[in-house]
Amino acid sequence: MPAARPDRDQIITMAQSGYPPREIAEELGIAPHAIYYVLSSARQRGVEIKRFSGGRTGARGLSRIRFTPEVKEQFRPHADLRGLTVRELAAEILEAVAASDLVDAVLDDGCDEDTQQSNGVGRP
């Protein structure tokens, strides 16, 4: 019997967690056709994996955000340390920034509400 593909279990686990095949391919750096093949083979063996429609949301119903390879590599060690994927880490960062109202502090670009109001822009 041939050796199992080392990523097969991870692919199946991610799909069962709600990640669409294209996102799995991007996250693992594997060609999308290989992901579809693994999922199809697993389904034929009786593994329960939901079928995905072509929507633009990822796991947990999140909107998709594209990262440059450089940003992805900068996030990867932080994600690995926490046992998360890069997308999961990015989602947690965005949720924390939003929940703590830290957008202006993080961006530090001078576009906070006080500056906009003194320039006659933004909410009255």
N, C-alpha and C. Protein backbone atom coordinates (compact mmCIF):
# COMPACT_ATOMS: atom_id res chain seq x y z
N MET A 1 0.85 -1.18 0.00
CA MET A 1 0.00 0.00 0.00
C MET A 1 0.89 1.24 0.00
N PRO A 2 0.62 2.23 -0.89
CA PRO A 2 1.47 3.41 -0.93
C PRO A 2 1.34 4.25 0.33
N ALA A 3 2.40 4.99 0.63
CA ALA A 3 2.38 5.85 1.81
C ALA A 3 1.32 6.93 1.66
N ALA A 4 0.67 7.26 2.74
CA ALA A 4 -0.37 8.29 2.71
C ALA A 4 0.26 9.66 2.46
N ARG A 5 -0.44 10.45 1.71
CA ARG A 5 0.03 11.81 1.48
C ARG A 5 0.06 12.52 2.83
N PRO A 6 1.18 13.15 3.19
CA PRO A 6 1.30 13.72 4.54
C PRO A 6 0.27 14.79 4.86
N ASP A 7 -0.29 15.46 3.84
CA ASP A 7 -1.25 16.54 4.09
C ASP A 7 -2.70 16.06 4.09
N ARG A 8 -2.95 14.80 3.76
CA ARG A 8 -4.31 14.33 3.58
C ARG A 8 -5.17 14.54 4.83
N ASP A 9 -4.68 14.13 6.00
CA ASP A 9 -5.46 14.29 7.23
C ASP A 9 -5.74 15.77 7.52
N GLN A 10 -4.76 16.61 7.29
CA GLN A 10 -4.94 18.04 7.53
C GLN A 10 -5.97 18.63 6.57
N ILE A 11 -5.92 18.21 5.31
CA ILE A 11 -6.89 18.68 4.31
C ILE A 11 -8.30 18.28 4.72
N ILE A 12 -8.47 17.03 5.11
CA ILE A 12 -9.80 16.54 5.51
C ILE A 12 -10.28 17.27 6.76
N THR A 13 -9.41 17.44 7.74
CA THR A 13 -9.78 18.14 8.98
C THR A 13 -10.20 19.57 8.69
N MET A 14 -9.45 20.26 7.84
CA MET A 14 -9.79 21.65 7.51
C MET A 14 -11.14 21.71 6.79
N ALA A 15 -11.37 20.78 5.86
CA ALA A 15 -12.65 20.76 5.13
C ALA A 15 -13.80 20.48 6.08
N GLN A 16 -13.60 19.56 7.01
CA GLN A 16 -14.65 19.25 7.98
C GLN A 16 -14.91 20.43 8.93
N SER A 17 -13.91 21.30 9.10
CA SER A 17 -14.06 22.49 9.94
C SER A 17 -14.70 23.65 9.20
N GLY A 18 -14.95 23.47 7.90
CA GLY A 18 -15.65 24.50 7.14
C GLY A 18 -14.80 25.28 6.16
N TYR A 19 -13.52 24.96 6.03
CA TYR A 19 -12.68 25.66 5.07
C TYR A 19 -13.01 25.19 3.66
N PRO A 20 -13.25 26.11 2.72
CA PRO A 20 -13.48 25.69 1.34
C PRO A 20 -12.17 25.20 0.70
N PRO A 21 -12.29 24.32 -0.29
CA PRO A 21 -11.09 23.74 -0.91
C PRO A 21 -10.06 24.77 -1.40
N ARG A 22 -10.51 25.85 -2.01
CA ARG A 22 -9.53 26.83 -2.52
C ARG A 22 -8.76 27.49 -1.38
N GLU A 23 -9.41 27.71 -0.25
CA GLU A 23 -8.72 28.29 0.89
C GLU A 23 -7.74 27.29 1.50
N ILE A 24 -8.11 26.03 1.53
CA ILE A 24 -7.20 24.99 2.00
C ILE A 24 -5.96 24.96 1.12
N ALA A 25 -6.19 25.00 -0.19
CA ALA A 25 -5.07 24.98 -1.14
C ALA A 25 -4.13 26.16 -0.90
N GLU A 26 -4.71 27.34 -0.72
CA GLU A 26 -3.90 28.53 -0.50
C GLU A 26 -3.13 28.44 0.81
N GLU A 27 -3.80 28.00 1.86
CA GLU A 27 -3.18 27.92 3.18
C GLU A 27 -2.04 26.91 3.22
N LEU A 28 -2.23 25.77 2.56
CA LEU A 28 -1.23 24.70 2.60
C LEU A 28 -0.22 24.76 1.46
N GLY A 29 -0.47 25.66 0.50
CA GLY A 29 0.45 25.77 -0.63
C GLY A 29 0.39 24.56 -1.55
N ILE A 30 -0.82 24.02 -1.71
CA ILE A 30 -1.04 22.84 -2.55
C ILE A 30 -1.98 23.24 -3.68
N ALA A 31 -1.78 22.66 -4.85
CA ALA A 31 -2.64 22.98 -5.99
C ALA A 31 -4.10 22.63 -5.66
N PRO A 32 -5.04 23.52 -6.05
CA PRO A 32 -6.46 23.26 -5.76
C PRO A 32 -6.96 21.91 -6.27
N HIS A 33 -6.49 21.48 -7.45
CA HIS A 33 -6.97 20.19 -7.96
C HIS A 33 -6.58 19.04 -7.03
N ALA A 34 -5.44 19.17 -6.35
CA ALA A 34 -5.01 18.12 -5.41
C ALA A 34 -5.94 18.09 -4.19
N ILE A 35 -6.40 19.25 -3.76
CA ILE A 35 -7.33 19.32 -2.62
C ILE A 35 -8.64 18.64 -3.01
N TYR A 36 -9.17 19.00 -4.18
CA TYR A 36 -10.42 18.40 -4.64
C TYR A 36 -10.28 16.88 -4.76
N TYR A 37 -9.15 16.41 -5.22
CA TYR A 37 -8.92 14.97 -5.36
C TYR A 37 -8.95 14.28 -3.99
N VAL A 38 -8.23 14.86 -3.02
CA VAL A 38 -8.20 14.28 -1.67
C VAL A 38 -9.61 14.24 -1.08
N LEU A 39 -10.35 15.34 -1.22
CA LEU A 39 -11.71 15.39 -0.65
C LEU A 39 -12.64 14.40 -1.35
N SER A 40 -12.54 14.30 -2.66
CA SER A 40 -13.37 13.37 -3.42
C SER A 40 -13.06 11.93 -3.01
N SER A 41 -11.79 11.60 -2.90
CA SER A 41 -11.39 10.25 -2.49
C SER A 41 -11.88 9.93 -1.09
N ALA A 42 -11.77 10.91 -0.19
CA ALA A 42 -12.23 10.70 1.19
C ALA A 42 -13.74 10.47 1.23
N ARG A 43 -14.47 11.24 0.45
CA ARG A 43 -15.94 11.05 0.40
C ARG A 43 -16.29 9.66 -0.13
N GLN A 44 -15.55 9.20 -1.13
CA GLN A 44 -15.80 7.87 -1.69
C GLN A 44 -15.52 6.77 -0.65
N ARG A 45 -14.61 7.04 0.28
CA ARG A 45 -14.30 6.08 1.35
C ARG A 45 -15.29 6.20 2.51
N GLY A 46 -16.25 7.13 2.39
CA GLY A 46 -17.28 7.27 3.43
C GLY A 46 -17.01 8.35 4.46
N VAL A 47 -15.94 9.13 4.28
CA VAL A 47 -15.66 10.22 5.22
C VAL A 47 -16.68 11.32 4.99
N GLU A 48 -17.28 11.83 6.06
CA GLU A 48 -18.28 12.88 5.93
C GLU A 48 -17.61 14.25 5.80
N ILE A 49 -17.76 14.82 4.62
CA ILE A 49 -17.24 16.15 4.32
C ILE A 49 -18.32 16.86 3.54
N LYS A 50 -18.76 18.01 4.03
CA LYS A 50 -19.83 18.72 3.32
C LYS A 50 -19.32 19.20 1.97
N ARG A 51 -20.23 19.36 1.06
CA ARG A 51 -19.90 19.89 -0.27
C ARG A 51 -19.93 21.41 -0.18
N PHE A 52 -19.01 22.04 -0.85
CA PHE A 52 -18.88 23.49 -0.78
C PHE A 52 -19.43 24.13 -2.04
N SER A 53 -20.14 25.24 -1.84
CA SER A 53 -20.57 26.03 -3.00
C SER A 53 -19.48 27.05 -3.27
N GLY A 54 -19.59 27.76 -4.34
CA GLY A 54 -18.54 28.67 -4.76
C GLY A 54 -18.54 30.02 -4.09
N GLY A 55 -19.03 30.14 -2.87
CA GLY A 55 -19.10 31.44 -2.19
C GLY A 55 -17.75 32.05 -1.92
N ARG A 56 -17.75 33.27 -1.42
CA ARG A 56 -16.51 33.98 -1.15
C ARG A 56 -16.24 34.11 0.35
N THR A 57 -16.78 33.21 1.15
CA THR A 57 -16.50 33.25 2.57
C THR A 57 -15.74 32.01 2.97
N GLY A 58 -14.98 32.11 4.04
CA GLY A 58 -14.17 30.99 4.50
C GLY A 58 -14.77 30.37 5.75
N ALA A 59 -13.92 29.79 6.55
CA ALA A 59 -14.35 29.15 7.79
C ALA A 59 -15.06 30.15 8.67
N ARG A 60 -16.02 29.69 9.42
CA ARG A 60 -16.80 30.51 10.35
C ARG A 60 -17.56 31.61 9.62
N GLY A 61 -17.76 31.48 8.30
CA GLY A 61 -18.52 32.47 7.56
C GLY A 61 -17.79 33.80 7.39
N LEU A 62 -16.48 33.80 7.51
CA LEU A 62 -15.70 35.03 7.42
C LEU A 62 -15.55 35.47 5.97
N SER A 63 -15.52 36.76 5.75
CA SER A 63 -15.19 37.27 4.43
C SER A 63 -13.74 36.94 4.13
N ARG A 64 -13.46 36.71 2.88
CA ARG A 64 -12.09 36.37 2.51
C ARG A 64 -11.25 37.63 2.34
N ILE A 65 -10.03 37.54 2.79
CA ILE A 65 -9.05 38.62 2.64
C ILE A 65 -7.82 38.01 2.00
N ARG A 66 -7.31 38.66 1.00
CA ARG A 66 -6.10 38.17 0.34
C ARG A 66 -4.88 38.82 0.99
N PHE A 67 -3.84 38.01 1.17
CA PHE A 67 -2.59 38.48 1.74
C PHE A 67 -1.48 38.35 0.71
N THR A 68 -0.54 39.27 0.75
CA THR A 68 0.65 39.08 -0.08
C THR A 68 1.46 37.95 0.55
N PRO A 69 2.28 37.27 -0.22
CA PRO A 69 3.11 36.20 0.37
C PRO A 69 3.99 36.72 1.51
N GLU A 70 4.43 37.98 1.40
CA GLU A 70 5.29 38.54 2.45
C GLU A 70 4.53 38.68 3.77
N VAL A 71 3.30 39.18 3.70
CA VAL A 71 2.49 39.33 4.91
C VAL A 71 2.18 37.96 5.50
N LYS A 72 1.85 37.02 4.63
CA LYS A 72 1.54 35.67 5.09
C LYS A 72 2.73 35.07 5.84
N GLU A 73 3.92 35.25 5.32
CA GLU A 73 5.11 34.70 5.97
C GLU A 73 5.42 35.43 7.28
N GLN A 74 5.09 36.72 7.37
CA GLN A 74 5.29 37.44 8.63
C GLN A 74 4.32 36.95 9.70
N PHE A 75 3.11 36.60 9.30
CA PHE A 75 2.10 36.10 10.25
C PHE A 75 2.33 34.65 10.65
N ARG A 76 2.94 33.86 9.75
CA ARG A 76 3.03 32.41 9.96
C ARG A 76 3.63 32.02 11.31
N PRO A 77 4.78 32.57 11.75
CA PRO A 77 5.32 32.13 13.04
C PRO A 77 4.37 32.44 14.21
N HIS A 78 3.68 33.55 14.13
CA HIS A 78 2.73 33.92 15.19
C HIS A 78 1.52 32.97 15.19
N ALA A 79 1.09 32.59 13.99
CA ALA A 79 -0.02 31.64 13.88
C ALA A 79 0.40 30.27 14.39
N ASP A 80 1.59 29.82 13.98
CA ASP A 80 2.09 28.51 14.41
C ASP A 80 2.21 28.45 15.93
N LEU A 81 2.70 29.52 16.53
CA LEU A 81 2.87 29.58 17.98
C LEU A 81 1.54 29.37 18.70
N ARG A 82 0.46 29.82 18.08
CA ARG A 82 -0.87 29.74 18.68
C ARG A 82 -1.69 28.55 18.18
N GLY A 83 -1.09 27.76 17.30
CA GLY A 83 -1.80 26.60 16.75
C GLY A 83 -2.93 27.00 15.82
N LEU A 84 -2.77 28.13 15.13
CA LEU A 84 -3.79 28.65 14.22
C LEU A 84 -3.27 28.66 12.80
N THR A 85 -4.17 28.77 11.84
CA THR A 85 -3.76 29.05 10.47
C THR A 85 -3.52 30.56 10.38
N VAL A 86 -2.89 30.99 9.31
CA VAL A 86 -2.67 32.42 9.11
C VAL A 86 -4.01 33.15 9.04
N ARG A 87 -4.98 32.57 8.35
CA ARG A 87 -6.30 33.21 8.24
C ARG A 87 -6.99 33.31 9.60
N GLU A 88 -6.88 32.27 10.41
CA GLU A 88 -7.49 32.32 11.75
C GLU A 88 -6.83 33.40 12.60
N LEU A 89 -5.49 33.50 12.52
CA LEU A 89 -4.78 34.54 13.26
C LEU A 89 -5.23 35.92 12.80
N ALA A 90 -5.30 36.11 11.48
CA ALA A 90 -5.71 37.41 10.94
C ALA A 90 -7.12 37.76 11.40
N ALA A 91 -8.01 36.78 11.41
CA ALA A 91 -9.38 37.02 11.86
C ALA A 91 -9.39 37.42 13.34
N GLU A 92 -8.59 36.74 14.16
CA GLU A 92 -8.54 37.08 15.59
C GLU A 92 -7.98 38.48 15.79
N ILE A 93 -6.96 38.83 15.01
CA ILE A 93 -6.38 40.18 15.12
C ILE A 93 -7.43 41.23 14.75
N LEU A 94 -8.12 41.03 13.62
CA LEU A 94 -9.14 41.99 13.19
C LEU A 94 -10.27 42.10 14.20
N GLU A 95 -10.70 40.96 14.75
CA GLU A 95 -11.77 40.99 15.75
C GLU A 95 -11.33 41.73 17.00
N ALA A 96 -10.08 41.52 17.44
CA ALA A 96 -9.57 42.21 18.63
C ALA A 96 -9.44 43.72 18.40
N VAL A 97 -8.95 44.09 17.22
CA VAL A 97 -8.83 45.52 16.89
C VAL A 97 -10.20 46.19 16.88
N ALA A 98 -11.17 45.53 16.25
CA ALA A 98 -12.52 46.09 16.18
C ALA A 98 -13.17 46.16 17.56
N ALA A 99 -13.07 45.07 18.32
CA ALA A 99 -13.72 45.02 19.64
C ALA A 99 -13.13 46.03 20.60
N SER A 100 -11.84 46.32 20.47
CA SER A 100 -11.18 47.27 21.38
C SER A 100 -11.08 48.67 20.79
N ASP A 101 -11.72 48.90 19.63
CA ASP A 101 -11.71 50.20 18.97
C ASP A 101 -10.29 50.73 18.79
N LEU A 102 -9.43 49.88 18.23
CA LEU A 102 -8.02 50.22 18.07
C LEU A 102 -7.61 50.54 16.64
N VAL A 103 -8.56 50.71 15.73
CA VAL A 103 -8.20 50.94 14.33
C VAL A 103 -7.29 52.16 14.19
N ASP A 104 -7.66 53.28 14.81
CA ASP A 104 -6.85 54.49 14.69
C ASP A 104 -5.46 54.30 15.30
N ALA A 105 -5.39 53.60 16.42
CA ALA A 105 -4.10 53.36 17.07
C ALA A 105 -3.21 52.45 16.23
N VAL A 106 -3.80 51.43 15.63
CA VAL A 106 -3.02 50.49 14.83
C VAL A 106 -2.53 51.15 13.55
N LEU A 107 -3.42 51.87 12.86
CA LEU A 107 -3.03 52.49 11.59
C LEU A 107 -2.19 53.74 11.79
N ASP A 108 -2.47 54.50 12.85
CA ASP A 108 -1.70 55.71 13.17
C ASP A 108 -1.46 56.56 11.92
N ASP A 109 -2.56 56.80 11.16
CA ASP A 109 -2.44 57.53 9.90
C ASP A 109 -3.09 58.92 9.95
N GLY A 110 -3.47 59.35 11.15
CA GLY A 110 -4.06 60.68 11.29
C GLY A 110 -5.51 60.78 10.86
N CYS A 111 -6.16 59.66 10.64
CA CYS A 111 -7.55 59.67 10.18
C CYS A 111 -8.51 59.30 11.29
N ASP A 112 -8.25 59.75 12.51
CA ASP A 112 -9.20 59.44 13.58
C ASP A 112 -10.38 60.39 13.52
N GLU A 113 -11.44 60.11 14.28
CA GLU A 113 -12.67 60.90 14.22
C GLU A 113 -12.44 62.35 14.60
N ASP A 114 -11.60 62.61 15.60
CA ASP A 114 -11.36 64.00 16.02
C ASP A 114 -10.73 64.82 14.89
N THR A 115 -9.77 64.24 14.18
CA THR A 115 -9.13 64.93 13.08
C THR A 115 -10.12 65.18 11.95
N GLN A 116 -10.94 64.19 11.62
CA GLN A 116 -11.91 64.34 10.55
C GLN A 116 -12.94 65.41 10.89
N GLN A 117 -13.41 65.44 12.14
CA GLN A 117 -14.42 66.42 12.53
C GLN A 117 -13.84 67.83 12.50
N SER A 118 -12.59 68.01 12.90
CA SER A 118 -11.99 69.36 12.87
C SER A 118 -11.73 69.82 11.43
N ASN A 119 -11.67 68.89 10.49
CA ASN A 119 -11.51 69.22 9.07
C ASN A 119 -12.84 69.29 8.35
N GLY A 120 -13.96 69.14 9.09
CA GLY A 120 -15.28 69.19 8.49
C GLY A 120 -15.67 67.92 7.77
N VAL A 121 -15.03 66.78 8.09
CA VAL A 121 -15.33 65.51 7.46
C VAL A 121 -15.85 64.57 8.53
N GLY A 122 -16.66 63.63 8.15
CA GLY A 122 -17.13 62.63 9.11
C GLY A 122 -18.45 63.03 9.73
N ARG A 123 -18.75 62.37 10.85
CA ARG A 123 -20.04 62.59 11.52
C ARG A 123 -20.08 63.95 12.20
N PRO A 124 -21.28 64.57 12.23
CA PRO A 124 -21.41 65.86 12.92
C PRO A 124 -21.31 65.72 14.42
